[in-house]
């Protein structure tokens, strides 16, 4: 199984909530183990195996579906292992 890390802003409630939502979805839908870590102010990024696969752009945050697709595309042989 791939090592998934979500780096999120340590002070933004909305980013923290989205990180929790995405971590739960990745665990539920893909069976992945996800770690949430503090990042820089305003940061939201997802890393698979230490490589960034998706991040916040502008004011918006990626959706659960966008993150799942990015993780699956980055780790196609590791899903379900």
C-alpha atoms as a PDB file:
ATOM      1  CA  UNK A   1       0.000   0.000   0.000  1.00  0.00           C
ATOM      2  CA  UNK A   2       1.253   3.433  -0.869  1.00  0.00           C
ATOM      3  CA  UNK A   3       2.188   5.875   1.869  1.00  0.00           C
ATOM      4  CA  UNK A   4      -0.272   8.770   1.551  1.00  0.00           C
ATOM      5  CA  UNK A   5       0.376  12.027   3.381  1.00  0.00           C
ATOM      6  CA  UNK A   6      -1.926  15.030   3.421  1.00  0.00           C
ATOM      7  CA  UNK A   7      -0.150  18.248   4.371  1.00  0.00           C
ATOM      8  CA  UNK A   8      -2.568  20.885   5.561  1.00  0.00           C
ATOM      9  CA  UNK A   9      -2.542  24.362   6.988  1.00  0.00           C
ATOM     10  CA  UNK A  10      -2.216  24.063  10.771  1.00  0.00           C
ATOM     11  CA  UNK A  11      -4.544  27.016  11.466  1.00  0.00           C
ATOM     12  CA  UNK A  12      -7.258  26.875   8.757  1.00  0.00           C
ATOM     13  CA  UNK A  13     -10.362  25.049   9.954  1.00  0.00           C
ATOM     14  CA  UNK A  14     -11.782  24.565   6.467  1.00  0.00           C
ATOM     15  CA  UNK A  15      -8.555  23.024   5.172  1.00  0.00           C
ATOM     16  CA  UNK A  16      -8.305  20.803   8.239  1.00  0.00           C
ATOM     17  CA  UNK A  17     -11.878  19.615   7.728  1.00  0.00           C
ATOM     18  CA  UNK A  18     -11.236  18.839   4.054  1.00  0.00           C
ATOM     19  CA  UNK A  19      -8.085  16.906   4.989  1.00  0.00           C
ATOM     20  CA  UNK A  20     -10.099  14.773   7.427  1.00  0.00           C
ATOM     21  CA  UNK A  21     -12.844  14.216   4.839  1.00  0.00           C
ATOM     22  CA  UNK A  22     -10.362  13.137   2.174  1.00  0.00           C
ATOM     23  CA  UNK A  23      -8.404  10.889   4.542  1.00  0.00           C
ATOM     24  CA  UNK A  24     -11.629   9.108   5.529  1.00  0.00           C
ATOM     25  CA  UNK A  25     -12.661   8.705   1.877  1.00  0.00           C
ATOM     26  CA  UNK A  26      -9.278   7.292   0.835  1.00  0.00           C
ATOM     27  CA  UNK A  27      -9.454   4.788   3.680  1.00  0.00           C
ATOM     28  CA  UNK A  28     -13.082   3.854   3.012  1.00  0.00           C
ATOM     29  CA  UNK A  29     -13.052   3.797  -0.800  1.00  0.00           C
ATOM     30  CA  UNK A  30      -9.493   2.629  -1.493  1.00  0.00           C
ATOM     31  CA  UNK A  31      -8.391   0.982   1.752  1.00  0.00           C
ATOM     32  CA  UNK A  32      -5.440   3.342   2.047  1.00  0.00           C
ATOM     33  CA  UNK A  33      -3.684   4.388   5.207  1.00  0.00           C
ATOM     34  CA  UNK A  34      -3.426   8.185   5.274  1.00  0.00           C
ATOM     35  CA  UNK A  35      -1.414  10.432   7.564  1.00  0.00           C
ATOM     36  CA  UNK A  36      -2.302  14.094   8.046  1.00  0.00           C
ATOM     37  CA  UNK A  37       0.584  16.416   8.858  1.00  0.00           C
ATOM     38  CA  UNK A  38       0.899  20.123   9.444  1.00  0.00           C
ATOM     39  CA  UNK A  39       2.203  22.051   6.456  1.00  0.00           C
ATOM     40  CA  UNK A  40       2.696  25.723   5.723  1.00  0.00           C
ATOM     41  CA  UNK A  41      -0.024  28.312   6.319  1.00  0.00           C
ATOM     42  CA  UNK A  42      -2.646  27.953   3.590  1.00  0.00           C
ATOM     43  CA  UNK A  43      -1.196  24.645   2.351  1.00  0.00           C
ATOM     44  CA  UNK A  44      -3.175  21.643   1.199  1.00  0.00           C
ATOM     45  CA  UNK A  45      -1.204  19.014  -0.687  1.00  0.00           C
ATOM     46  CA  UNK A  46      -1.368  15.249  -1.078  1.00  0.00           C
ATOM     47  CA  UNK A  47       1.750  13.127  -1.452  1.00  0.00           C
ATOM     48  CA  UNK A  48       1.895   9.479  -2.540  1.00  0.00           C
ATOM     49  CA  UNK A  49       5.172   7.776  -1.750  1.00  0.00           C
ATOM     50  CA  UNK A  50       6.671  11.188  -0.966  1.00  0.00           C
ATOM     51  CA  UNK A  51       5.761  12.621  -4.380  1.00  0.00           C
ATOM     52  CA  UNK A  52       3.177  15.439  -4.612  1.00  0.00           C
ATOM     53  CA  UNK A  53       0.154  14.270  -6.642  1.00  0.00           C
ATOM     54  CA  UNK A  54      -2.313  17.138  -6.106  1.00  0.00           C
ATOM     55  CA  UNK A  55      -2.373  20.434  -4.262  1.00  0.00           C
ATOM     56  CA  UNK A  56      -4.446  23.482  -3.607  1.00  0.00           C
ATOM     57  CA  UNK A  57      -4.641  25.950  -6.450  1.00  0.00           C
ATOM     58  CA  UNK A  58      -5.850  29.474  -5.799  1.00  0.00           C
ATOM     59  CA  UNK A  59      -8.585  29.730  -3.205  1.00  0.00           C
ATOM     60  CA  UNK A  60     -10.227  26.378  -3.933  1.00  0.00           C
ATOM     61  CA  UNK A  61      -9.488  22.948  -2.540  1.00  0.00           C
ATOM     62  CA  UNK A  62      -9.531  19.742  -4.579  1.00  0.00           C
ATOM     63  CA  UNK A  63     -12.613  17.548  -4.234  1.00  0.00           C
ATOM     64  CA  UNK A  64     -12.559  14.037  -2.820  1.00  0.00           C
ATOM     65  CA  UNK A  65     -12.981  12.665  -6.358  1.00  0.00           C
ATOM     66  CA  UNK A  66     -10.064  14.735  -7.659  1.00  0.00           C
ATOM     67  CA  UNK A  67      -7.785  13.517  -4.873  1.00  0.00           C
ATOM     68  CA  UNK A  68      -8.838   9.890  -5.315  1.00  0.00           C
ATOM     69  CA  UNK A  69      -8.131  10.102  -9.058  1.00  0.00           C
ATOM     70  CA  UNK A  70      -4.726  11.711  -8.480  1.00  0.00           C
ATOM     71  CA  UNK A  71      -3.748   9.071  -5.918  1.00  0.00           C
ATOM     72  CA  UNK A  72      -4.952   6.210  -8.133  1.00  0.00           C
ATOM     73  CA  UNK A  73      -3.069   7.590 -11.145  1.00  0.00           C
ATOM     74  CA  UNK A  74       0.091   7.921  -9.072  1.00  0.00           C
ATOM     75  CA  UNK A  75      -0.080   4.463  -7.505  1.00  0.00           C
ATOM     76  CA  UNK A  76      -1.963   2.162  -9.905  1.00  0.00           C
ATOM     77  CA  UNK A  77      -0.184  -1.044  -8.900  1.00  0.00           C
ATOM     78  CA  UNK A  78      -0.444  -0.431  -5.181  1.00  0.00           C
ATOM     79  CA  UNK A  79      -4.198   0.044  -4.811  1.00  0.00           C
ATOM     80  CA  UNK A  80      -5.693  -2.750  -2.741  1.00  0.00           C
ATOM     81  CA  UNK A  81      -2.393  -4.273  -1.647  1.00  0.00           C
END
